[in-house]
Amino acid sequence: IVAVVDTRTAKDMQTVYGGAYGAGCLYLPIEFTKKYPNTTQAMVNA
């Protein structure tokens, strides 16, 4: 293949998404963060 649009680059993230796209992040239910704030903090710290 040859990448035509490559969202691994800031330029193409801008083109496709209109800016940054947080792919490697934590998606947590609010209830989890409330019930386990220390666990949430430990994951974010890491």
ModelCIF file with pLDDT and N, C-alpha, C, O atoms, coordinates in Angstrom:
data_MODEL
#
_entry.id   MODEL 
#
_entity.id                         1 
_entity.type                       polymer 
_entity.pdbx_number_of_molecules   1 
#
_entity_poly.entity_id                      1 
_entity_poly.type                           'polypeptide(L)' 
_entity_poly.nstd_linkage                   no 
_entity_poly.nstd_monomer                   no 
_entity_poly.pdbx_seq_one_letter_code       IVAVVDTRTAKDMQTVYGGAYGAGCLYLPIEFTKKYPNTTQAMVNA 
_entity_poly.pdbx_seq_one_letter_code_can   IVAVVDTRTAKDMQTVYGGAYGAGCLYLPIEFTKKYPNTTQAMVNA 
_entity_poly.pdbx_strand_id                 A 
#
loop_
_entity_poly_seq.entity_id 
_entity_poly_seq.num 
_entity_poly_seq.mon_id 
_entity_poly_seq.hetero 
1 1  ILE n 
1 2  VAL n 
1 3  ALA n 
1 4  VAL n 
1 5  VAL n 
1 6  ASP n 
1 7  THR n 
1 8  ARG n 
1 9  THR n 
1 10 ALA n 
1 11 LYS n 
1 12 ASP n 
1 13 MET n 
1 14 GLN n 
1 15 THR n 
1 16 VAL n 
1 17 TYR n 
1 18 GLY n 
1 19 GLY n 
1 20 ALA n 
1 21 TYR n 
1 22 GLY n 
1 23 ALA n 
1 24 GLY n 
1 25 CYS n 
1 26 LEU n 
1 27 TYR n 
1 28 LEU n 
1 29 PRO n 
1 30 ILE n 
1 31 GLU n 
1 32 PHE n 
1 33 THR n 
1 34 LYS n 
1 35 LYS n 
1 36 TYR n 
1 37 PRO n 
1 38 ASN n 
1 39 THR n 
1 40 THR n 
1 41 GLN n 
1 42 ALA n 
1 43 MET n 
1 44 VAL n 
1 45 ASN n 
1 46 ALA n 
#
_struct_asym.id          A 
_struct_asym.entity_id   1 
#
loop_
_ma_qa_metric.id 
_ma_qa_metric.mode 
_ma_qa_metric.name 
_ma_qa_metric.software_group_id 
_ma_qa_metric.type 
1 global pLDDT . pLDDT 
2 local  pLDDT . pLDDT 
#
_ma_qa_metric_global.metric_id      1 
_ma_qa_metric_global.metric_value   91.24 
_ma_qa_metric_global.model_id       1 
_ma_qa_metric_global.ordinal_id     1 
#
loop_
_ma_qa_metric_local.label_asym_id 
_ma_qa_metric_local.label_comp_id 
_ma_qa_metric_local.label_seq_id 
_ma_qa_metric_local.metric_id 
_ma_qa_metric_local.metric_value 
_ma_qa_metric_local.model_id 
_ma_qa_metric_local.ordinal_id 
A ILE 1  2 94.00 1 1  
A VAL 2  2 94.00 1 2  
A ALA 3  2 92.00 1 3  
A VAL 4  2 93.00 1 4  
A VAL 5  2 93.00 1 5  
A ASP 6  2 93.00 1 6  
A THR 7  2 92.00 1 7  
A ARG 8  2 91.00 1 8  
A THR 9  2 88.00 1 9  
A ALA 10 2 87.00 1 10 
A LYS 11 2 90.00 1 11 
A ASP 12 2 92.00 1 12 
A MET 13 2 90.00 1 13 
A GLN 14 2 91.00 1 14 
A THR 15 2 92.00 1 15 
A VAL 16 2 91.00 1 16 
A TYR 17 2 90.00 1 17 
A GLY 18 2 88.00 1 18 
A GLY 19 2 88.00 1 19 
A ALA 20 2 88.00 1 20 
A TYR 21 2 88.00 1 21 
A GLY 22 2 84.00 1 22 
A ALA 23 2 81.00 1 23 
A GLY 24 2 80.00 1 24 
A CYS 25 2 83.00 1 25 
A LEU 26 2 85.00 1 26 
A TYR 27 2 80.00 1 27 
A LEU 28 2 86.00 1 28 
A PRO 29 2 85.00 1 29 
A ILE 30 2 85.00 1 30 
A GLU 31 2 91.00 1 31 
A PHE 32 2 95.00 1 32 
A THR 33 2 94.00 1 33 
A LYS 34 2 95.00 1 34 
A LYS 35 2 97.00 1 35 
A TYR 36 2 98.00 1 36 
A PRO 37 2 97.00 1 37 
A ASN 38 2 98.00 1 38 
A THR 39 2 98.00 1 39 
A THR 40 2 97.00 1 40 
A GLN 41 2 98.00 1 41 
A ALA 42 2 98.00 1 42 
A MET 43 2 97.00 1 43 
A VAL 44 2 97.00 1 44 
A ASN 45 2 97.00 1 45 
A ALA 46 2 96.00 1 46 
#
loop_
_atom_site.group_PDB 
_atom_site.id 
_atom_site.type_symbol 
_atom_site.label_atom_id 
_atom_site.label_alt_id 
_atom_site.label_comp_id 
_atom_site.label_asym_id 
_atom_site.label_entity_id 
_atom_site.label_seq_id 
_atom_site.pdbx_PDB_ins_code 
_atom_site.Cartn_x 
_atom_site.Cartn_y 
_atom_site.Cartn_z 
_atom_site.occupancy 
_atom_site.B_iso_or_equiv 
_atom_site.pdbx_formal_charge 
_atom_site.auth_seq_id 
_atom_site.auth_comp_id 
_atom_site.auth_asym_id 
_atom_site.auth_atom_id 
_atom_site.pdbx_PDB_model_num 
ATOM 1   N N  . ILE A 1 1  ? 0.838   -1.208 0.000  1.00 94.00 ? 1  ILE A N  1 
ATOM 2   C CA . ILE A 1 1  ? 0.000   0.000  0.000  1.00 94.00 ? 1  ILE A CA 1 
ATOM 3   C C  . ILE A 1 1  ? 0.871   1.255  0.000  1.00 94.00 ? 1  ILE A C  1 
ATOM 4   O O  . ILE A 1 1  ? 2.058   1.231  0.325  1.00 94.00 ? 1  ILE A O  1 
ATOM 5   N N  . VAL A 1 2  ? 0.225   2.336  -0.377 1.00 94.00 ? 2  VAL A N  1 
ATOM 6   C CA . VAL A 1 2  ? 0.770   3.675  -0.206 1.00 94.00 ? 2  VAL A CA 1 
ATOM 7   C C  . VAL A 1 2  ? -0.318  4.448  0.532  1.00 94.00 ? 2  VAL A C  1 
ATOM 8   O O  . VAL A 1 2  ? -1.465  4.503  0.087  1.00 94.00 ? 2  VAL A O  1 
ATOM 9   N N  . ALA A 1 3  ? 0.049   5.040  1.655  1.00 92.00 ? 3  ALA A N  1 
ATOM 10  C CA . ALA A 1 3  ? -0.934  5.795  2.433  1.00 92.00 ? 3  ALA A CA 1 
ATOM 11  C C  . ALA A 1 3  ? -1.316  7.064  1.671  1.00 92.00 ? 3  ALA A C  1 
ATOM 12  O O  . ALA A 1 3  ? -0.454  7.860  1.298  1.00 92.00 ? 3  ALA A O  1 
ATOM 13  N N  . VAL A 1 4  ? -2.605  7.239  1.447  1.00 93.00 ? 4  VAL A N  1 
ATOM 14  C CA . VAL A 1 4  ? -3.110  8.435  0.762  1.00 93.00 ? 4  VAL A CA 1 
ATOM 15  C C  . VAL A 1 4  ? -3.464  9.489  1.804  1.00 93.00 ? 4  VAL A C  1 
ATOM 16  O O  . VAL A 1 4  ? -3.158  10.669 1.632  1.00 93.00 ? 4  VAL A O  1 
ATOM 17  N N  . VAL A 1 5  ? -4.097  9.065  2.863  1.00 93.00 ? 5  VAL A N  1 
ATOM 18  C CA . VAL A 1 5  ? -4.395  9.914  4.008  1.00 93.00 ? 5  VAL A CA 1 
ATOM 19  C C  . VAL A 1 5  ? -3.853  9.161  5.216  1.00 93.00 ? 5  VAL A C  1 
ATOM 20  O O  . VAL A 1 5  ? -4.181  7.994  5.429  1.00 93.00 ? 5  VAL A O  1 
ATOM 21  N N  . ASP A 1 6  ? -3.025  9.835  6.002  1.00 93.00 ? 6  ASP A N  1 
ATOM 22  C CA . ASP A 1 6  ? -2.321  9.157  7.080  1.00 93.00 ? 6  ASP A CA 1 
ATOM 23  C C  . ASP A 1 6  ? -2.543  9.891  8.398  1.00 93.00 ? 6  ASP A C  1 
ATOM 24  O O  . ASP A 1 6  ? -1.842  10.854 8.708  1.00 93.00 ? 6  ASP A O  1 
ATOM 25  N N  . THR A 1 7  ? -3.524  9.430  9.171  1.00 92.00 ? 7  THR A N  1 
ATOM 26  C CA . THR A 1 7  ? -3.860  10.120 10.420 1.00 92.00 ? 7  THR A CA 1 
ATOM 27  C C  . THR A 1 7  ? -2.852  9.857  11.532 1.00 92.00 ? 7  THR A C  1 
ATOM 28  O O  . THR A 1 7  ? -3.097  10.207 12.687 1.00 92.00 ? 7  THR A O  1 
ATOM 29  N N  . ARG A 1 8  ? -1.735  9.250  11.195 1.00 91.00 ? 8  ARG A N  1 
ATOM 30  C CA . ARG A 1 8  ? -0.627  9.177  12.144 1.00 91.00 ? 8  ARG A CA 1 
ATOM 31  C C  . ARG A 1 8  ? 0.136   10.498 12.144 1.00 91.00 ? 8  ARG A C  1 
ATOM 32  O O  . ARG A 1 8  ? 0.989   10.723 13.002 1.00 91.00 ? 8  ARG A O  1 
ATOM 33  N N  . THR A 1 9  ? -0.167  11.368 11.186 1.00 88.00 ? 9  THR A N  1 
ATOM 34  C CA . THR A 1 9  ? 0.503   12.666 11.098 1.00 88.00 ? 9  THR A CA 1 
ATOM 35  C C  . THR A 1 9  ? -0.443  13.778 11.544 1.00 88.00 ? 9  THR A C  1 
ATOM 36  O O  . THR A 1 9  ? -1.658  13.681 11.379 1.00 88.00 ? 9  THR A O  1 
ATOM 37  N N  . ALA A 1 10 ? 0.133   14.829 12.108 1.00 87.00 ? 10 ALA A N  1 
ATOM 38  C CA . ALA A 1 10 ? -0.670  15.982 12.551 1.00 87.00 ? 10 ALA A CA 1 
ATOM 39  C C  . ALA A 1 10 ? -1.404  16.612 11.373 1.00 87.00 ? 10 ALA A C  1 
ATOM 40  O O  . ALA A 1 10 ? -2.549  17.042 11.512 1.00 87.00 ? 10 ALA A O  1 
ATOM 41  N N  . LYS A 1 11 ? -0.753  16.669 10.222 1.00 90.00 ? 11 LYS A N  1 
ATOM 42  C CA . LYS A 1 11 ? -1.367  17.274 9.024  1.00 90.00 ? 11 LYS A CA 1 
ATOM 43  C C  . LYS A 1 11 ? -2.650  16.546 8.637  1.00 90.00 ? 11 LYS A C  1 
ATOM 44  O O  . LYS A 1 11 ? -3.678  17.183 8.406  1.00 90.00 ? 11 LYS A O  1 
ATOM 45  N N  . ASP A 1 12 ? -2.598  15.246 8.565  1.00 92.00 ? 12 ASP A N  1 
ATOM 46  C CA . ASP A 1 12 ? -3.786  14.497 8.153  1.00 92.00 ? 12 ASP A CA 1 
ATOM 47  C C  . ASP A 1 12 ? -4.810  14.351 9.273  1.00 92.00 ? 12 ASP A C  1 
ATOM 48  O O  . ASP A 1 12 ? -5.996  14.177 8.994  1.00 92.00 ? 12 ASP A O  1 
ATOM 49  N N  . MET A 1 13 ? -4.379  14.418 10.542 1.00 90.00 ? 13 MET A N  1 
ATOM 50  C CA . MET A 1 13 ? -5.361  14.485 11.627 1.00 90.00 ? 13 MET A CA 1 
ATOM 51  C C  . MET A 1 13 ? -6.182  15.767 11.473 1.00 90.00 ? 13 MET A C  1 
ATOM 52  O O  . MET A 1 13 ? -7.395  15.772 11.682 1.00 90.00 ? 13 MET A O  1 
ATOM 53  N N  . GLN A 1 14 ? -5.504  16.845 11.105 1.00 91.00 ? 14 GLN A N  1 
ATOM 54  C CA . GLN A 1 14 ? -6.201  18.113 10.873 1.00 91.00 ? 14 GLN A CA 1 
ATOM 55  C C  . GLN A 1 14 ? -7.174  17.966 9.710  1.00 91.00 ? 14 GLN A C  1 
ATOM 56  O O  . GLN A 1 14 ? -8.319  18.409 9.802  1.00 91.00 ? 14 GLN A O  1 
ATOM 57  N N  . THR A 1 15 ? -6.735  17.352 8.625  1.00 92.00 ? 15 THR A N  1 
ATOM 58  C CA . THR A 1 15 ? -7.573  17.172 7.437  1.00 92.00 ? 15 THR A CA 1 
ATOM 59  C C  . THR A 1 15 ? -8.804  16.318 7.732  1.00 92.00 ? 15 THR A C  1 
ATOM 60  O O  . THR A 1 15 ? -9.919  16.683 7.359  1.00 92.00 ? 15 THR A O  1 
ATOM 61  N N  . VAL A 1 16 ? -8.603  15.185 8.399  1.00 91.00 ? 16 VAL A N  1 
ATOM 62  C CA . VAL A 1 16 ? -9.685  14.230 8.628  1.00 91.00 ? 16 VAL A CA 1 
ATOM 63  C C  . VAL A 1 16 ? -10.576 14.619 9.804  1.00 91.00 ? 16 VAL A C  1 
ATOM 64  O O  . VAL A 1 16 ? -11.802 14.583 9.704  1.00 91.00 ? 16 VAL A O  1 
ATOM 65  N N  . TYR A 1 17 ? -9.950  14.988 10.913 1.00 90.00 ? 17 TYR A N  1 
ATOM 66  C CA . TYR A 1 17 ? -10.712 15.213 12.145 1.00 90.00 ? 17 TYR A CA 1 
ATOM 67  C C  . TYR A 1 17 ? -10.890 16.685 12.494 1.00 90.00 ? 17 TYR A C  1 
ATOM 68  O O  . TYR A 1 17 ? -11.689 17.021 13.368 1.00 90.00 ? 17 TYR A O  1 
ATOM 69  N N  . GLY A 1 18 ? -10.159 17.559 11.824 1.00 88.00 ? 18 GLY A N  1 
ATOM 70  C CA . GLY A 1 18 ? -10.205 18.972 12.176 1.00 88.00 ? 18 GLY A CA 1 
ATOM 71  C C  . GLY A 1 18 ? -9.259  19.316 13.311 1.00 88.00 ? 18 GLY A C  1 
ATOM 72  O O  . GLY A 1 18 ? -9.329  20.416 13.860 1.00 88.00 ? 18 GLY A O  1 
ATOM 73  N N  . GLY A 1 19 ? -8.377  18.398 13.673 1.00 88.00 ? 19 GLY A N  1 
ATOM 74  C CA . GLY A 1 19 ? -7.408  18.611 14.749 1.00 88.00 ? 19 GLY A CA 1 
ATOM 75  C C  . GLY A 1 19 ? -7.008  17.295 15.371 1.00 88.00 ? 19 GLY A C  1 
ATOM 76  O O  . GLY A 1 19 ? -7.169  16.232 14.771 1.00 88.00 ? 19 GLY A O  1 
ATOM 77  N N  . ALA A 1 20 ? -6.492  17.374 16.565 1.00 88.00 ? 20 ALA A N  1 
ATOM 78  C CA . ALA A 1 20 ? -5.991  16.188 17.262 1.00 88.00 ? 20 ALA A CA 1 
ATOM 79  C C  . ALA A 1 20 ? -7.105  15.169 17.501 1.00 88.00 ? 20 ALA A C  1 
ATOM 80  O O  . ALA A 1 20 ? -8.282  15.514 17.602 1.00 88.00 ? 20 ALA A O  1 
ATOM 81  N N  . TYR A 1 21 ? -6.695  13.911 17.586 1.00 88.00 ? 21 TYR A N  1 
ATOM 82  C CA . TYR A 1 21 ? -7.607  12.807 17.866 1.00 88.00 ? 21 TYR A CA 1 
ATOM 83  C C  . TYR A 1 21 ? -6.967  11.961 18.952 1.00 88.00 ? 21 TYR A C  1 
ATOM 84  O O  . TYR A 1 21 ? -5.915  11.361 18.729 1.00 88.00 ? 21 TYR A O  1 
ATOM 85  N N  . GLY A 1 22 ? -7.586  11.905 20.124 1.00 84.00 ? 22 GLY A N  1 
ATOM 86  C CA . GLY A 1 22 ? -7.027  11.181 21.263 1.00 84.00 ? 22 GLY A CA 1 
ATOM 87  C C  . GLY A 1 22 ? -7.311  9.695  21.185 1.00 84.00 ? 22 GLY A C  1 
ATOM 88  O O  . GLY A 1 22 ? -8.288  9.217  21.763 1.00 84.00 ? 22 GLY A O  1 
ATOM 89  N N  . ALA A 1 23 ? -6.475  8.964  20.481 1.00 81.00 ? 23 ALA A N  1 
ATOM 90  C CA . ALA A 1 23 ? -6.710  7.530  20.329 1.00 81.00 ? 23 ALA A CA 1 
ATOM 91  C C  . ALA A 1 23 ? -6.213  6.729  21.524 1.00 81.00 ? 23 ALA A C  1 
ATOM 92  O O  . ALA A 1 23 ? -6.905  5.822  21.986 1.00 81.00 ? 23 ALA A O  1 
ATOM 93  N N  . GLY A 1 24 ? -5.044  7.044  22.025 1.00 80.00 ? 24 GLY A N  1 
ATOM 94  C CA . GLY A 1 24 ? -4.487  6.308  23.149 1.00 80.00 ? 24 GLY A CA 1 
ATOM 95  C C  . GLY A 1 24 ? -4.817  7.018  24.451 1.00 80.00 ? 24 GLY A C  1 
ATOM 96  O O  . GLY A 1 24 ? -3.969  7.689  25.039 1.00 80.00 ? 24 GLY A O  1 
ATOM 97  N N  . CYS A 1 25 ? -6.035  6.866  24.886 1.00 83.00 ? 25 CYS A N  1 
ATOM 98  C CA . CYS A 1 25 ? -6.460  7.556  26.102 1.00 83.00 ? 25 CYS A CA 1 
ATOM 99  C C  . CYS A 1 25 ? -7.381  6.635  26.894 1.00 83.00 ? 25 CYS A C  1 
ATOM 100 O O  . CYS A 1 25 ? -7.711  5.534  26.454 1.00 83.00 ? 25 CYS A O  1 
ATOM 101 N N  . LEU A 1 26 ? -7.786  7.104  28.059 1.00 85.00 ? 26 LEU A N  1 
ATOM 102 C CA . LEU A 1 26 ? -8.688  6.316  28.890 1.00 85.00 ? 26 LEU A CA 1 
ATOM 103 C C  . LEU A 1 26 ? -10.119 6.796  28.694 1.00 85.00 ? 26 LEU A C  1 
ATOM 104 O O  . LEU A 1 26 ? -10.412 7.985  28.825 1.00 85.00 ? 26 LEU A O  1 
ATOM 105 N N  . TYR A 1 27 ? -11.000 5.863  28.381 1.00 80.00 ? 27 TYR A N  1 
ATOM 106 C CA . TYR A 1 27 ? -12.433 6.133  28.338 1.00 80.00 ? 27 TYR A CA 1 
ATOM 107 C C  . TYR A 1 27 ? -13.020 5.383  29.530 1.00 80.00 ? 27 TYR A C  1 
ATOM 108 O O  . TYR A 1 27 ? -13.042 4.152  29.542 1.00 80.00 ? 27 TYR A O  1 
ATOM 109 N N  . LEU A 1 28 ? -13.490 6.113  30.522 1.00 86.00 ? 28 LEU A N  1 
ATOM 110 C CA . LEU A 1 28 ? -14.011 5.455  31.717 1.00 86.00 ? 28 LEU A CA 1 
ATOM 111 C C  . LEU A 1 28 ? -15.407 5.952  32.040 1.00 86.00 ? 28 LEU A C  1 
ATOM 112 O O  . LEU A 1 28 ? -15.690 7.141  31.900 1.00 86.00 ? 28 LEU A O  1 
ATOM 113 N N  . PRO A 1 29 ? -16.280 5.056  32.470 1.00 85.00 ? 29 PRO A N  1 
ATOM 114 C CA . PRO A 1 29 ? -17.584 5.518  32.949 1.00 85.00 ? 29 PRO A CA 1 
ATOM 115 C C  . PRO A 1 29 ? -17.396 6.423  34.169 1.00 85.00 ? 29 PRO A C  1 
ATOM 116 O O  . PRO A 1 29 ? -16.535 6.170  35.012 1.00 85.00 ? 29 PRO A O  1 
ATOM 117 N N  . ILE A 1 30 ? -18.190 7.452  34.253 1.00 85.00 ? 30 ILE A N  1 
ATOM 118 C CA . ILE A 1 30 ? -18.106 8.372  35.386 1.00 85.00 ? 30 ILE A CA 1 
ATOM 119 C C  . ILE A 1 30 ? -18.227 7.605  36.695 1.00 85.00 ? 30 ILE A C  1 
ATOM 120 O O  . ILE A 1 30 ? -17.538 7.910  37.668 1.00 85.00 ? 30 ILE A O  1 
ATOM 121 N N  . GLU A 1 31 ? -19.104 6.608  36.714 1.00 91.00 ? 31 GLU A N  1 
ATOM 122 C CA . GLU A 1 31 ? -19.306 5.826  37.931 1.00 91.00 ? 31 GLU A CA 1 
ATOM 123 C C  . GLU A 1 31 ? -18.007 5.160  38.382 1.00 91.00 ? 31 GLU A C  1 
ATOM 124 O O  . GLU A 1 31 ? -17.732 5.078  39.579 1.00 91.00 ? 31 GLU A O  1 
ATOM 125 N N  . PHE A 1 32 ? -17.207 4.683  37.422 1.00 95.00 ? 32 PHE A N  1 
ATOM 126 C CA . PHE A 1 32 ? -15.940 4.041  37.758 1.00 95.00 ? 32 PHE A CA 1 
ATOM 127 C C  . PHE A 1 32 ? -14.996 5.042  38.414 1.00 95.00 ? 32 PHE A C  1 
ATOM 128 O O  . PHE A 1 32 ? -14.382 4.743  39.438 1.00 95.00 ? 32 PHE A O  1 
ATOM 129 N N  . THR A 1 33 ? -14.880 6.240  37.818 1.00 94.00 ? 33 THR A N  1 
ATOM 130 C CA . THR A 1 33 ? -13.960 7.235  38.380 1.00 94.00 ? 33 THR A CA 1 
ATOM 131 C C  . THR A 1 33 ? -14.393 7.678  39.773 1.00 94.00 ? 33 THR A C  1 
ATOM 132 O O  . THR A 1 33 ? -13.559 7.995  40.620 1.00 94.00 ? 33 THR A O  1 
ATOM 133 N N  . LYS A 1 34 ? -15.701 7.698  40.001 1.00 95.00 ? 34 LYS A N  1 
ATOM 134 C CA . LYS A 1 34 ? -16.207 8.061  41.338 1.00 95.00 ? 34 LYS A CA 1 
ATOM 135 C C  . LYS A 1 34 ? -15.967 6.937  42.346 1.00 95.00 ? 34 LYS A C  1 
ATOM 136 O O  . LYS A 1 34 ? -15.581 7.192  43.487 1.00 95.00 ? 34 LYS A O  1 
ATOM 137 N N  . LYS A 1 35 ? -16.196 5.699  41.923 1.00 97.00 ? 35 LYS A N  1 
ATOM 138 C CA . LYS A 1 35 ? -16.057 4.558  42.825 1.00 97.00 ? 35 LYS A CA 1 
ATOM 139 C C  . LYS A 1 35 ? -14.587 4.198  43.074 1.00 97.00 ? 35 LYS A C  1 
ATOM 140 O O  . LYS A 1 35 ? -14.218 3.766  44.166 1.00 97.00 ? 35 LYS A O  1 
ATOM 141 N N  . TYR A 1 36 ? -13.756 4.384  42.041 1.00 98.00 ? 36 TYR A N  1 
ATOM 142 C CA . TYR A 1 36 ? -12.344 3.988  42.122 1.00 98.00 ? 36 TYR A CA 1 
ATOM 143 C C  . TYR A 1 36 ? -11.412 5.139  41.723 1.00 98.00 ? 36 TYR A C  1 
ATOM 144 O O  . TYR A 1 36 ? -10.649 5.008  40.766 1.00 98.00 ? 36 TYR A O  1 
ATOM 145 N N  . PRO A 1 37 ? -11.464 6.246  42.435 1.00 97.00 ? 37 PRO A N  1 
ATOM 146 C CA . PRO A 1 37 ? -10.619 7.382  42.055 1.00 97.00 ? 37 PRO A CA 1 
ATOM 147 C C  . PRO A 1 37 ? -9.122  7.073  42.158 1.00 97.00 ? 37 PRO A C  1 
ATOM 148 O O  . PRO A 1 37 ? -8.335  7.577  41.357 1.00 97.00 ? 37 PRO A O  1 
ATOM 149 N N  . ASN A 1 38 ? -8.725  6.263  43.121 1.00 98.00 ? 38 ASN A N  1 
ATOM 150 C CA . ASN A 1 38 ? -7.303  5.933  43.260 1.00 98.00 ? 38 ASN A CA 1 
ATOM 151 C C  . ASN A 1 38 ? -6.813  5.066  42.101 1.00 98.00 ? 38 ASN A C  1 
ATOM 152 O O  . ASN A 1 38 ? -5.700  5.249  41.608 1.00 98.00 ? 38 ASN A O  1 
ATOM 153 N N  . THR A 1 39 ? -7.646  4.129  41.674 1.00 98.00 ? 39 THR A N  1 
ATOM 154 C CA . THR A 1 39 ? -7.294  3.293  40.525 1.00 98.00 ? 39 THR A CA 1 
ATOM 155 C C  . THR A 1 39 ? -7.220  4.145  39.263 1.00 98.00 ? 39 THR A C  1 
ATOM 156 O O  . THR A 1 39 ? -6.298  4.006  38.460 1.00 98.00 ? 39 THR A O  1 
ATOM 157 N N  . THR A 1 40 ? -8.202  5.027  39.098 1.00 97.00 ? 40 THR A N  1 
ATOM 158 C CA . THR A 1 40 ? -8.195  5.933  37.945 1.00 97.00 ? 40 THR A CA 1 
ATOM 159 C C  . THR A 1 40 ? -6.928  6.772  37.953 1.00 97.00 ? 40 THR A C  1 
ATOM 160 O O  . THR A 1 40 ? -6.257  6.897  36.928 1.00 97.00 ? 40 THR A O  1 
ATOM 161 N N  . GLN A 1 41 ? -6.597  7.347  39.105 1.00 98.00 ? 41 GLN A N  1 
ATOM 162 C CA . GLN A 1 41 ? -5.405  8.185  39.203 1.00 98.00 ? 41 GLN A CA 1 
ATOM 163 C C  . GLN A 1 41 ? -4.140  7.392  38.904 1.00 98.00 ? 41 GLN A C  1 
ATOM 164 O O  . GLN A 1 41 ? -3.234  7.894  38.238 1.00 98.00 ? 41 GLN A O  1 
ATOM 165 N N  . ALA A 1 42 ? -4.074  6.163  39.388 1.00 98.00 ? 42 ALA A N  1 
ATOM 166 C CA . ALA A 1 42 ? -2.896  5.322  39.144 1.00 98.00 ? 42 ALA A CA 1 
ATOM 167 C C  . ALA A 1 42 ? -2.722  5.039  37.645 1.00 98.00 ? 42 ALA A C  1 
ATOM 168 O O  . ALA A 1 42 ? -1.600  5.056  37.139 1.00 98.00 ? 42 ALA A O  1 
ATOM 169 N N  . MET A 1 43 ? -3.823  4.781  36.940 1.00 97.00 ? 43 MET A N  1 
ATOM 170 C CA . MET A 1 43 ? -3.733  4.532  35.493 1.00 97.00 ? 43 MET A CA 1 
ATOM 171 C C  . MET A 1 43 ? -3.264  5.788  34.760 1.00 97.00 ? 43 MET A C  1 
ATOM 172 O O  . MET A 1 43 ? -2.416  5.713  33.871 1.00 97.00 ? 43 MET A O  1 
ATOM 173 N N  . VAL A 1 44 ? -3.815  6.935  35.134 1.00 97.00 ? 44 VAL A N  1 
ATOM 174 C CA . VAL A 1 44 ? -3.419  8.192  34.495 1.00 97.00 ? 44 VAL A CA 1 
ATOM 175 C C  . VAL A 1 44 ? -1.967  8.512  34.828 1.00 97.00 ? 44 VAL A C  1 
ATOM 176 O O  . VAL A 1 44 ? -1.212  8.931  33.951 1.00 97.00 ? 44 VAL A O  1 
ATOM 177 N N  . ASN A 1 45 ? -1.568  8.319  36.083 1.00 97.00 ? 45 ASN A N  1 
ATOM 178 C CA . ASN A 1 45 ? -0.171  8.547  36.463 1.00 97.00 ? 45 ASN A CA 1 
ATOM 179 C C  . ASN A 1 45 ? 0.769   7.727  35.583 1.00 97.00 ? 45 ASN A C  1 
ATOM 180 O O  . ASN A 1 45 ? 1.784   8.234  35.106 1.00 97.00 ? 45 ASN A O  1 
ATOM 181 N N  . ALA A 1 46 ? 0.428   6.468  35.374 1.00 96.00 ? 46 ALA A N  1 
ATOM 182 C CA . ALA A 1 46 ? 1.267   5.594  34.551 1.00 96.00 ? 46 ALA A CA 1 
ATOM 183 C C  . ALA A 1 46 ? 1.376   6.123  33.126 1.00 96.00 ? 46 ALA A C  1 
ATOM 184 O O  . ALA A 1 46 ? 2.044   5.514  32.291 1.00 96.00 ? 46 ALA A O  1 
#
